Amino acid sequence: NRRDFQYGSLDVTVLARPGNQQRFLPGTLVEIASGNLVLDAGVTTRKTRRIRFANLPAQNLRLRAANPNLTGVVTSVNVASGGRGTKITVTMRPRGIF
């Protein structure tokens, strides 16, 4: 029985629209999950809105971004194997606007 696991990396950029909502982005929690298992998590800061997740399984994963001042985002992302990495941008909006 031989297993061949493939891994890749994921770059997540968190934005807010309209632009004046960018000030609420620090403290946004970004989680990468496979099923109900959280594989990795990161938090944005005032200077860093891009988070790099390395050594993720190269498969379809779920990305969750949550911020108490903005709407949350849940999306599916297919992580490609290899060194180039997969890039995704998530856009958050003010609460109450869909």
PDB file of N, CA and C in Angstrom:
ATOM      1  N   ASN A   1       0.845  -1.172   0.000  1.00  0.00           N
ATOM      2  CA  ASN A   1       0.000   0.000   0.000  1.00  0.00           C
ATOM      3  C   ASN A   1       0.895   1.241   0.000  1.00  0.00           C
ATOM      4  N   ARG A   2       0.898   1.970  -1.071  1.00  0.00           N
ATOM      5  CA  ARG A   2       1.748   3.150  -1.203  1.00  0.00           C
ATOM      6  C   ARG A   2       0.873   4.392  -1.363  1.00  0.00           C
ATOM      7  N   ARG A   3       1.143   5.380  -0.543  1.00  0.00           N
ATOM      8  CA  ARG A   3       0.369   6.626  -0.620  1.00  0.00           C
ATOM      9  C   ARG A   3       1.221   7.724  -1.220  1.00  0.00           C
ATOM     10  N   ASP A   4       0.602   8.530  -2.047  1.00  0.00           N
ATOM     11  CA  ASP A   4       1.299   9.649  -2.672  1.00  0.00           C
ATOM     12  C   ASP A   4       0.506  10.911  -2.368  1.00  0.00           C
ATOM     13  N   PHE A   5       0.877  11.587  -1.299  1.00  0.00           N
ATOM     14  CA  PHE A   5       0.177  12.805  -0.918  1.00  0.00           C
ATOM     15  C   PHE A   5       0.765  13.984  -1.670  1.00  0.00           C
ATOM     16  N   GLN A   6      -0.098  14.827  -2.166  1.00  0.00           N
ATOM     17  CA  GLN A   6       0.311  16.031  -2.871  1.00  0.00           C
ATOM     18  C   GLN A   6      -0.048  17.240  -2.022  1.00  0.00           C
ATOM     19  N   TYR A   7       0.861  18.188  -1.956  1.00  0.00           N
ATOM     20  CA  TYR A   7       0.648  19.387  -1.153  1.00  0.00           C
ATOM     21  C   TYR A   7       0.853  20.623  -1.999  1.00  0.00           C
ATOM     22  N   GLY A   8       0.240  21.712  -1.556  1.00  0.00           N
ATOM     23  CA  GLY A   8       0.363  22.988  -2.239  1.00  0.00           C
ATOM     24  C   GLY A   8       0.244  24.118  -1.235  1.00  0.00           C
ATOM     25  N   SER A   9       0.299  25.329  -1.739  1.00  0.00           N
ATOM     26  CA  SER A   9       0.162  26.499  -0.866  1.00  0.00           C
ATOM     27  C   SER A   9      -0.982  27.367  -1.363  1.00  0.00           C
ATOM     28  N   LEU A  10      -1.466  28.210  -0.470  1.00  0.00           N
ATOM     29  CA  LEU A  10      -2.611  29.069  -0.771  1.00  0.00           C
ATOM     30  C   LEU A  10      -2.327  30.470  -0.253  1.00  0.00           C
ATOM     31  N   ASP A  11      -2.477  31.462  -1.129  1.00  0.00           N
ATOM     32  CA  ASP A  11      -2.356  32.878  -0.757  1.00  0.00           C
ATOM     33  C   ASP A  11      -3.744  33.478  -0.727  1.00  0.00           C
ATOM     34  N   VAL A  12      -4.150  33.983   0.436  1.00  0.00           N
ATOM     35  CA  VAL A  12      -5.475  34.580   0.605  1.00  0.00           C
ATOM     36  C   VAL A  12      -5.299  36.074   0.833  1.00  0.00           C
ATOM     37  N   THR A  13      -5.944  36.886  -0.003  1.00  0.00           N
ATOM     38  CA  THR A  13      -5.950  38.332   0.164  1.00  0.00           C
ATOM     39  C   THR A  13      -7.346  38.736   0.606  1.00  0.00           C
ATOM     40  N   VAL A  14      -7.422  39.505   1.689  1.00  0.00           N
ATOM     41  CA  VAL A  14      -8.707  39.935   2.242  1.00  0.00           C
ATOM     42  C   VAL A  14      -8.900  41.413   1.930  1.00  0.00           C
ATOM     43  N   LEU A  15     -10.015  41.740   1.285  1.00  0.00           N
ATOM     44  CA  LEU A  15     -10.366  43.123   0.940  1.00  0.00           C
ATOM     45  C   LEU A  15     -11.727  43.460   1.535  1.00  0.00           C
ATOM     46  N   ALA A  16     -12.035  44.746   1.576  1.00  0.00           N
ATOM     47  CA  ALA A  16     -13.355  45.205   2.018  1.00  0.00           C
ATOM     48  C   ALA A  16     -13.869  46.233   1.021  1.00  0.00           C
ATOM     49  N   ARG A  17     -15.137  46.152   0.720  1.00  0.00           N
ATOM     50  CA  ARG A  17     -15.800  47.108  -0.161  1.00  0.00           C
ATOM     51  C   ARG A  17     -17.017  47.647   0.559  1.00  0.00           C
ATOM     52  N   PRO A  18     -17.312  48.904   0.477  1.00  0.00           N
ATOM     53  CA  PRO A  18     -16.550  49.969  -0.154  1.00  0.00           C
ATOM     54  C   PRO A  18     -15.232  50.222   0.572  1.00  0.00           C
ATOM     55  N   GLY A  19     -14.377  50.994  -0.050  1.00  0.00           N
ATOM     56  CA  GLY A  19     -13.022  51.203   0.439  1.00  0.00           C
ATOM     57  C   GLY A  19     -12.906  51.745   1.857  1.00  0.00           C
ATOM     58  N   ASN A  20     -13.901  52.516   2.308  1.00  0.00           N
ATOM     59  CA  ASN A  20     -13.807  53.076   3.660  1.00  0.00           C
ATOM     60  C   ASN A  20     -13.972  51.998   4.734  1.00  0.00           C
ATOM     61  N   GLN A  21     -14.342  50.784   4.362  1.00  0.00           N
ATOM     62  CA  GLN A  21     -14.472  49.679   5.313  1.00  0.00           C
ATOM     63  C   GLN A  21     -13.149  48.955   5.561  1.00  0.00           C
ATOM     64  N   GLN A  22     -12.093  49.347   4.838  1.00  0.00           N
ATOM     65  CA  GLN A  22     -10.780  48.714   5.005  1.00  0.00           C
ATOM     66  C   GLN A  22     -10.276  48.837   6.445  1.00  0.00           C
ATOM     67  N   ARG A  23     -10.686  49.866   7.137  1.00  0.00           N
ATOM     68  CA  ARG A  23     -10.203  50.078   8.505  1.00  0.00           C
ATOM     69  C   ARG A  23     -10.680  48.987   9.467  1.00  0.00           C
ATOM     70  N   PHE A  24     -11.725  48.238   9.086  1.00  0.00           N
ATOM     71  CA  PHE A  24     -12.233  47.172   9.937  1.00  0.00           C
ATOM     72  C   PHE A  24     -11.535  45.830   9.708  1.00  0.00           C
ATOM     73  N   LEU A  25     -10.669  45.726   8.698  1.00  0.00           N
ATOM     74  CA  LEU A  25     -10.059  44.446   8.346  1.00  0.00           C
ATOM     75  C   LEU A  25      -9.093  43.873   9.380  1.00  0.00           C
ATOM     76  N   PRO A  26      -8.320  44.672  10.116  1.00  0.00           N
ATOM     77  CA  PRO A  26      -7.424  44.057  11.105  1.00  0.00           C
ATOM     78  C   PRO A  26      -8.201  43.201  12.095  1.00  0.00           C
ATOM     79  N   GLY A  27      -7.689  42.001  12.347  1.00  0.00           N
ATOM     80  CA  GLY A  27      -8.358  41.082  13.248  1.00  0.00           C
ATOM     81  C   GLY A  27      -9.282  40.101  12.553  1.00  0.00           C
ATOM     82  N   THR A  28      -9.315  40.114  11.222  1.00  0.00           N
ATOM     83  CA  THR A  28     -10.139  39.165  10.484  1.00  0.00           C
ATOM     84  C   THR A  28      -9.521  37.774  10.584  1.00  0.00           C
ATOM     85  N   LEU A  29     -10.315  36.809  11.004  1.00  0.00           N
ATOM     86  CA  LEU A  29      -9.861  35.431  11.139  1.00  0.00           C
ATOM     87  C   LEU A  29     -10.115  34.693   9.833  1.00  0.00           C
ATOM     88  N   VAL A  30      -9.060  34.087   9.279  1.00  0.00           N
ATOM     89  CA  VAL A  30      -9.170  33.303   8.050  1.00  0.00           C
ATOM     90  C   VAL A  30      -8.823  31.862   8.389  1.00  0.00           C
ATOM     91  N   GLU A  31      -9.756  30.937   8.118  1.00  0.00           N
ATOM     92  CA  GLU A  31      -9.555  29.523   8.412  1.00  0.00           C
ATOM     93  C   GLU A  31      -9.641  28.704   7.136  1.00  0.00           C
ATOM     94  N   ILE A  32      -8.802  27.684   7.052  1.00  0.00           N
ATOM     95  CA  ILE A  32      -8.835  26.726   5.955  1.00  0.00           C
ATOM     96  C   ILE A  32      -9.280  25.397   6.553  1.00  0.00           C
ATOM     97  N   ALA A  33     -10.340  24.813   5.998  1.00  0.00           N
ATOM     98  CA  ALA A  33     -10.893  23.589   6.569  1.00  0.00           C
ATOM     99  C   ALA A  33     -11.111  22.538   5.491  1.00  0.00           C
ATOM    100  N   SER A  34     -10.997  21.288   5.921  1.00  0.00           N
ATOM    101  CA  SER A  34     -11.339  20.142   5.095  1.00  0.00           C
ATOM    102  C   SER A  34     -12.435  19.404   5.848  1.00  0.00           C
ATOM    103  N   GLY A  35     -13.650  19.484   5.344  1.00  0.00           N
ATOM    104  CA  GLY A  35     -14.790  18.967   6.098  1.00  0.00           C
ATOM    105  C   GLY A  35     -14.994  19.842   7.325  1.00  0.00           C
ATOM    106  N   ASN A  36     -15.055  19.243   8.512  1.00  0.00           N
ATOM    107  CA  ASN A  36     -15.186  20.008   9.752  1.00  0.00           C
ATOM    108  C   ASN A  36     -13.855  20.205  10.454  1.00  0.00           C
ATOM    109  N   LEU A  37     -12.770  19.718   9.865  1.00  0.00           N
ATOM    110  CA  LEU A  37     -11.446  19.812  10.463  1.00  0.00           C
ATOM    111  C   LEU A  37     -10.735  21.072   9.977  1.00  0.00           C
ATOM    112  N   VAL A  38     -10.396  21.969  10.894  1.00  0.00           N
ATOM    113  CA  VAL A  38      -9.664  23.189  10.540  1.00  0.00           C
ATOM    114  C   VAL A  38      -8.193  22.825  10.387  1.00  0.00           C
ATOM    115  N   LEU A  39      -7.651  23.016   9.184  1.00  0.00           N
ATOM    116  CA  LEU A  39      -6.261  22.671   8.901  1.00  0.00           C
ATOM    117  C   LEU A  39      -5.296  23.760   9.318  1.00  0.00           C
ATOM    118  N   ASP A  40      -5.676  25.007   9.121  1.00  0.00           N
ATOM    119  CA  ASP A  40      -4.799  26.131   9.440  1.00  0.00           C
ATOM    120  C   ASP A  40      -5.647  27.389   9.582  1.00  0.00           C
ATOM    121  N   ALA A  41      -5.135  28.346  10.318  1.00  0.00           N
ATOM    122  CA  ALA A  41      -5.842  29.612  10.517  1.00  0.00           C
ATOM    123  C   ALA A  41      -4.831  30.742  10.589  1.00  0.00           C
ATOM    124  N   GLY A  42      -5.275  31.925  10.246  1.00  0.00           N
ATOM    125  CA  GLY A  42      -4.440  33.114  10.322  1.00  0.00           C
ATOM    126  C   GLY A  42      -5.298  34.332  10.581  1.00  0.00           C
ATOM    127  N   VAL A  43      -4.675  35.397  11.077  1.00  0.00           N
ATOM    128  CA  VAL A  43      -5.382  36.632  11.399  1.00  0.00           C
ATOM    129  C   VAL A  43      -4.704  37.783  10.664  1.00  0.00           C
ATOM    130  N   THR A  44      -5.513  38.640  10.045  1.00  0.00           N
ATOM    131  CA  THR A  44      -4.962  39.807   9.371  1.00  0.00           C
ATOM    132  C   THR A  44      -4.573  40.867  10.402  1.00  0.00           C
ATOM    133  N   THR A  45      -3.601  41.676  10.036  1.00  0.00           N
ATOM    134  CA  THR A  45      -3.179  42.781  10.888  1.00  0.00           C
ATOM    135  C   THR A  45      -3.375  44.081  10.132  1.00  0.00           C
ATOM    136  N   ARG A  46      -2.989  45.157  10.766  1.00  0.00           N
ATOM    137  CA  ARG A  46      -3.152  46.459  10.130  1.00  0.00           C
ATOM    138  C   ARG A  46      -2.310  46.568   8.860  1.00  0.00           C
ATOM    139  N   LYS A  47      -1.132  45.946   8.858  1.00  0.00           N
ATOM    140  CA  LYS A  47      -0.234  46.040   7.706  1.00  0.00           C
ATOM    141  C   LYS A  47      -0.320  44.838   6.774  1.00  0.00           C
ATOM    142  N   THR A  48      -0.809  43.716   7.258  1.00  0.00           N
ATOM    143  CA  THR A  48      -0.828  42.489   6.457  1.00  0.00           C
ATOM    144  C   THR A  48      -2.247  42.055   6.184  1.00  0.00           C
ATOM    145  N   ARG A  49      -2.636  42.114   4.917  1.00  0.00           N
ATOM    146  CA  ARG A  49      -3.965  41.660   4.511  1.00  0.00           C
ATOM    147  C   ARG A  49      -3.874  40.419   3.640  1.00  0.00           C
ATOM    148  N   ARG A  50      -2.645  39.967   3.392  1.00  0.00           N
ATOM    149  CA  ARG A  50      -2.441  38.741   2.632  1.00  0.00           C
ATOM    150  C   ARG A  50      -1.825  37.698   3.554  1.00  0.00           C
ATOM    151  N   ILE A  51      -2.435  36.525   3.592  1.00  0.00           N
ATOM    152  CA  ILE A  51      -1.965  35.435   4.438  1.00  0.00           C
ATOM    153  C   ILE A  51      -1.586  34.271   3.536  1.00  0.00           C
ATOM    154  N   ARG A  52      -0.408  33.697   3.788  1.00  0.00           N
ATOM    155  CA  ARG A  52       0.055  32.537   3.018  1.00  0.00           C
ATOM    156  C   ARG A  52      -0.042  31.287   3.880  1.00  0.00           C
ATOM    157  N   PHE A  53      -0.756  30.309   3.365  1.00  0.00           N
ATOM    158  CA  PHE A  53      -0.878  29.011   4.017  1.00  0.00           C
ATOM    159  C   PHE A  53      -0.061  28.010   3.210  1.00  0.00           C
ATOM    160  N   ALA A  54       0.967  27.436   3.821  1.00  0.00           N
ATOM    161  CA  ALA A  54       1.844  26.481   3.141  1.00  0.00           C
ATOM    162  C   ALA A  54       1.505  25.063   3.577  1.00  0.00           C
ATOM    163  N   ASN A  55       1.893  24.098   2.756  1.00  0.00           N
ATOM    164  CA  ASN A  55       1.735  22.666   3.045  1.00  0.00           C
ATOM    165  C   ASN A  55       0.290  22.248   3.307  1.00  0.00           C
ATOM    166  N   LEU A  56      -0.602  22.705   2.444  1.00  0.00           N
ATOM    167  CA  LEU A  56      -1.998  22.264   2.499  1.00  0.00           C
ATOM    168  C   LEU A  56      -2.182  21.104   1.524  1.00  0.00           C
ATOM    169  N   PRO A  57      -3.076  20.170   1.824  1.00  0.00           N
ATOM    170  CA  PRO A  57      -3.340  19.095   0.862  1.00  0.00           C
ATOM    171  C   PRO A  57      -3.888  19.675  -0.444  1.00  0.00           C
ATOM    172  N   ALA A  58      -3.406  19.154  -1.554  1.00  0.00           N
ATOM    173  CA  ALA A  58      -3.840  19.637  -2.872  1.00  0.00           C
ATOM    174  C   ALA A  58      -5.192  19.011  -3.191  1.00  0.00           C
ATOM    175  N   GLN A  59      -6.238  19.644  -2.712  1.00  0.00           N
ATOM    176  CA  GLN A  59      -7.603  19.168  -2.917  1.00  0.00           C
ATOM    177  C   GLN A  59      -8.554  20.340  -2.740  1.00  0.00           C
ATOM    178  N   ASN A  60      -9.839  20.075  -2.838  1.00  0.00           N
ATOM    179  CA  ASN A  60     -10.843  21.106  -2.654  1.00  0.00           C
ATOM    180  C   ASN A  60     -11.014  21.369  -1.154  1.00  0.00           C
ATOM    181  N   LEU A  61     -10.761  22.593  -0.713  1.00  0.00           N
ATOM    182  CA  LEU A  61     -10.849  22.969   0.694  1.00  0.00           C
ATOM    183  C   LEU A  61     -11.847  24.104   0.867  1.00  0.00           C
ATOM    184  N   ARG A  62     -12.280  24.318   2.104  1.00  0.00           N
ATOM    185  CA  ARG A  62     -13.216  25.404   2.416  1.00  0.00           C
ATOM    186  C   ARG A  62     -12.460  26.524   3.118  1.00  0.00           C
ATOM    187  N   LEU A  63     -12.694  27.747   2.672  1.00  0.00           N
ATOM    188  CA  LEU A  63     -12.076  28.936   3.254  1.00  0.00           C
ATOM    189  C   LEU A  63     -13.168  29.730   3.956  1.00  0.00           C
ATOM    190  N   ARG A  64     -12.922  30.085   5.221  1.00  0.00           N
ATOM    191  CA  ARG A  64     -13.856  30.912   5.979  1.00  0.00           C
ATOM    192  C   ARG A  64     -13.121  32.155   6.454  1.00  0.00           C
ATOM    193  N   ALA A  65     -13.729  33.313   6.253  1.00  0.00           N
ATOM    194  CA  ALA A  65     -13.196  34.572   6.775  1.00  0.00           C
ATOM    195  C   ALA A  65     -14.290  35.208   7.625  1.00  0.00           C
ATOM    196  N   ALA A  66     -13.922  35.595   8.848  1.00  0.00           N
ATOM    197  CA  ALA A  66     -14.910  36.148   9.770  1.00  0.00           C
ATOM    198  C   ALA A  66     -14.348  37.389  10.446  1.00  0.00           C
ATOM    199  N   ASN A  67     -15.203  38.402  10.553  1.00  0.00           N
ATOM    200  CA  ASN A  67     -14.849  39.645  11.216  1.00  0.00           C
ATOM    201  C   ASN A  67     -16.127  40.168  11.874  1.00  0.00           C
ATOM    202  N   PRO A  68     -16.069  40.551  13.156  1.00  0.00           N
ATOM    203  CA  PRO A  68     -17.290  40.992  13.833  1.00  0.00           C
ATOM    204  C   PRO A  68     -17.907  42.257  13.254  1.00  0.00           C
ATOM    205  N   ASN A  69     -17.108  43.071  12.555  1.00  0.00           N
ATOM    206  CA  ASN A  69     -17.617  44.333  12.003  1.00  0.00           C
ATOM    207  C   ASN A  69     -18.078  44.224  10.554  1.00  0.00           C
ATOM    208  N   LEU A  70     -17.754  43.115   9.895  1.00  0.00           N
ATOM    209  CA  LEU A  70     -18.078  42.938   8.476  1.00  0.00           C
ATOM    210  C   LEU A  70     -18.790  41.609   8.277  1.00  0.00           C
ATOM    211  N   THR A  71     -19.342  41.410   7.078  1.00  0.00           N
ATOM    212  CA  THR A  71     -19.976  40.132   6.777  1.00  0.00           C
ATOM    213  C   THR A  71     -18.914  39.047   6.680  1.00  0.00           C
ATOM    214  N   GLY A  72     -19.294  37.813   6.917  1.00  0.00           N
ATOM    215  CA  GLY A  72     -18.375  36.696   6.778  1.00  0.00           C
ATOM    216  C   GLY A  72     -18.379  36.170   5.354  1.00  0.00           C
ATOM    217  N   VAL A  73     -17.336  35.422   5.012  1.00  0.00           N
ATOM    218  CA  VAL A  73     -17.214  34.831   3.687  1.00  0.00           C
ATOM    219  C   VAL A  73     -16.889  33.354   3.861  1.00  0.00           C
ATOM    220  N   VAL A  74     -17.619  32.507   3.154  1.00  0.00           N
ATOM    221  CA  VAL A  74     -17.308  31.078   3.090  1.00  0.00           C
ATOM    222  C   VAL A  74     -17.266  30.720   1.616  1.00  0.00           C
ATOM    223  N   THR A  75     -16.136  30.162   1.177  1.00  0.00           N
ATOM    224  CA  THR A  75     -15.997  29.787  -0.225  1.00  0.00           C
ATOM    225  C   THR A  75     -15.174  28.522  -0.344  1.00  0.00           C
ATOM    226  N   SER A  76     -15.292  27.895  -1.467  1.00  0.00           N
ATOM    227  CA  SER A  76     -14.554  26.678  -1.751  1.00  0.00           C
ATOM    228  C   SER A  76     -13.387  27.023  -2.666  1.00  0.00           C
ATOM    229  N   VAL A  77     -12.231  26.414  -2.395  1.00  0.00           N
ATOM    230  CA  VAL A  77     -11.044  26.699  -3.210  1.00  0.00           C
ATOM    231  C   VAL A  77     -10.318  25.388  -3.481  1.00  0.00           C
ATOM    232  N   ASN A  78      -9.880  25.217  -4.723  1.00  0.00           N
ATOM    233  CA  ASN A  78      -9.144  24.019  -5.109  1.00  0.00           C
ATOM    234  C   ASN A  78      -7.653  24.352  -5.072  1.00  0.00           C
ATOM    235  N   VAL A  79      -6.934  23.773  -4.121  1.00  0.00           N
ATOM    236  CA  VAL A  79      -5.504  24.034  -3.957  1.00  0.00           C
ATOM    237  C   VAL A  79      -4.740  23.167  -4.952  1.00  0.00           C
ATOM    238  N   ALA A  80      -3.927  23.807  -5.783  1.00  0.00           N
ATOM    239  CA  ALA A  80      -3.128  23.083  -6.774  1.00  0.00           C
ATOM    240  C   ALA A  80      -1.826  22.610  -6.131  1.00  0.00           C
ATOM    241  N   SER A  81      -1.350  21.454  -6.560  1.00  0.00           N
ATOM    242  CA  SER A  81      -0.091  20.950  -6.024  1.00  0.00           C
ATOM    243  C   SER A  81       1.079  21.670  -6.676  1.00  0.00           C
ATOM    244  N   GLY A  82       2.180  21.711  -5.967  1.00  0.00           N
ATOM    245  CA  GLY A  82       3.378  22.331  -6.514  1.00  0.00           C
ATOM    246  C   GLY A  82       3.743  23.618  -5.815  1.00  0.00           C
ATOM    247  N   GLY A  83       4.799  24.240  -6.288  1.00  0.00           N
ATOM    248  CA  GLY A  83       5.365  25.399  -5.625  1.00  0.00           C
ATOM    249  C   GLY A  83       4.763  26.740  -5.979  1.00  0.00           C
ATOM    250  N   ARG A  84       4.047  26.826  -7.088  1.00  0.00           N
ATOM    251  CA  ARG A  84       3.522  28.130  -7.505  1.00  0.00           C
ATOM    252  C   ARG A  84       2.449  28.641  -6.561  1.00  0.00           C
ATOM    253  N   GLY A  85       1.636  27.779  -6.048  1.00  0.00           N
ATOM    254  CA  GLY A  85       0.592  28.200  -5.121  1.00  0.00           C
ATOM    255  C   GLY A  85      -0.669  28.655  -5.820  1.00  0.00           C
ATOM    256  N   THR A  86      -1.732  28.651  -5.077  1.00  0.00           N
ATOM    257  CA  THR A  86      -3.037  29.096  -5.542  1.00  0.00           C
ATOM    258  C   THR A  86      -3.332  30.427  -4.873  1.00  0.00           C
ATOM    259  N   LYS A  87      -3.874  31.380  -5.625  1.00  0.00           N
ATOM    260  CA  LYS A  87      -4.193  32.698  -5.082  1.00  0.00           C
ATOM    261  C   LYS A  87      -5.699  32.915  -5.135  1.00  0.00           C
ATOM    262  N   ILE A  88      -6.227  33.500  -4.058  1.00  0.00           N
ATOM    263  CA  ILE A  88      -7.652  33.809  -4.001  1.00  0.00           C
ATOM    264  C   ILE A  88      -7.830  35.125  -3.248  1.00  0.00           C
ATOM    265  N   THR A  89      -8.806  35.913  -3.668  1.00  0.00           N
ATOM    266  CA  THR A  89      -9.143  37.166  -3.004  1.00  0.00           C
ATOM    267  C   THR A  89     -10.574  37.065  -2.503  1.00  0.00           C
ATOM    268  N   VAL A  90     -10.765  37.376  -1.226  1.00  0.00           N
ATOM    269  CA  VAL A  90     -12.117  37.397  -0.661  1.00  0.00           C
ATOM    270  C   VAL A  90     -12.465  38.844  -0.319  1.00  0.00           C
ATOM    271  N   THR A  91     -13.707  39.225  -0.611  1.00  0.00           N
ATOM    272  CA  THR A  91     -14.159  40.585  -0.371  1.00  0.00           C
ATOM    273  C   THR A  91     -15.259  40.565   0.676  1.00  0.00           C
ATOM    274  N   MET A  92     -15.051  41.354   1.720  1.00  0.00           N
ATOM    275  CA  MET A  92     -16.033  41.454   2.798  1.00  0.00           C
ATOM    276  C   MET A  92     -16.771  42.776   2.663  1.00  0.00           C
ATOM    277  N   ARG A  93     -17.998  42.810   3.135  1.00  0.00           N
ATOM    278  CA  ARG A  93     -18.846  43.995   3.028  1.00  0.00           C
ATOM    279  C   ARG A  93     -19.391  44.382   4.386  1.00  0.00           C
ATOM    280  N   PRO A  94     -19.931  45.597   4.515  1.00  0.00           N
ATOM    281  CA  PRO A  94     -20.520  46.006   5.807  1.00  0.00           C
ATOM    282  C   PRO A  94     -21.699  45.106   6.164  1.00  0.00           C
ATOM    283  N   ARG A  95     -21.928  44.950   7.439  1.00  0.00           N
ATOM    284  CA  ARG A  95     -23.063  44.140   7.901  1.00  0.00           C
ATOM    285  C   ARG A  95     -24.368  44.740   7.408  1.00  0.00           C
ATOM    286  N   GLY A  96     -25.318  43.881   7.076  1.00  0.00           N
ATOM    287  CA  GLY A  96     -26.618  44.337   6.626  1.00  0.00           C
ATOM    288  C   GLY A  96     -26.720  44.590   5.139  1.00  0.00           C
ATOM    289  N   ILE A  97     -25.601  44.509   4.419  1.00  0.00           N
ATOM    290  CA  ILE A  97     -25.601  44.689   2.963  1.00  0.00           C
ATOM    291  C   ILE A  97     -25.215  43.353   2.341  1.00  0.00           C
ATOM    292  N   PHE A  98     -26.048  42.832   1.451  1.00  0.00           N
ATOM    293  CA  PHE A  98     -25.788  41.516   0.875  1.00  0.00           C
ATOM    294  C   PHE A  98     -25.388  41.603  -0.548  1.00  0.00           C
TER     295      PHE A  98
END
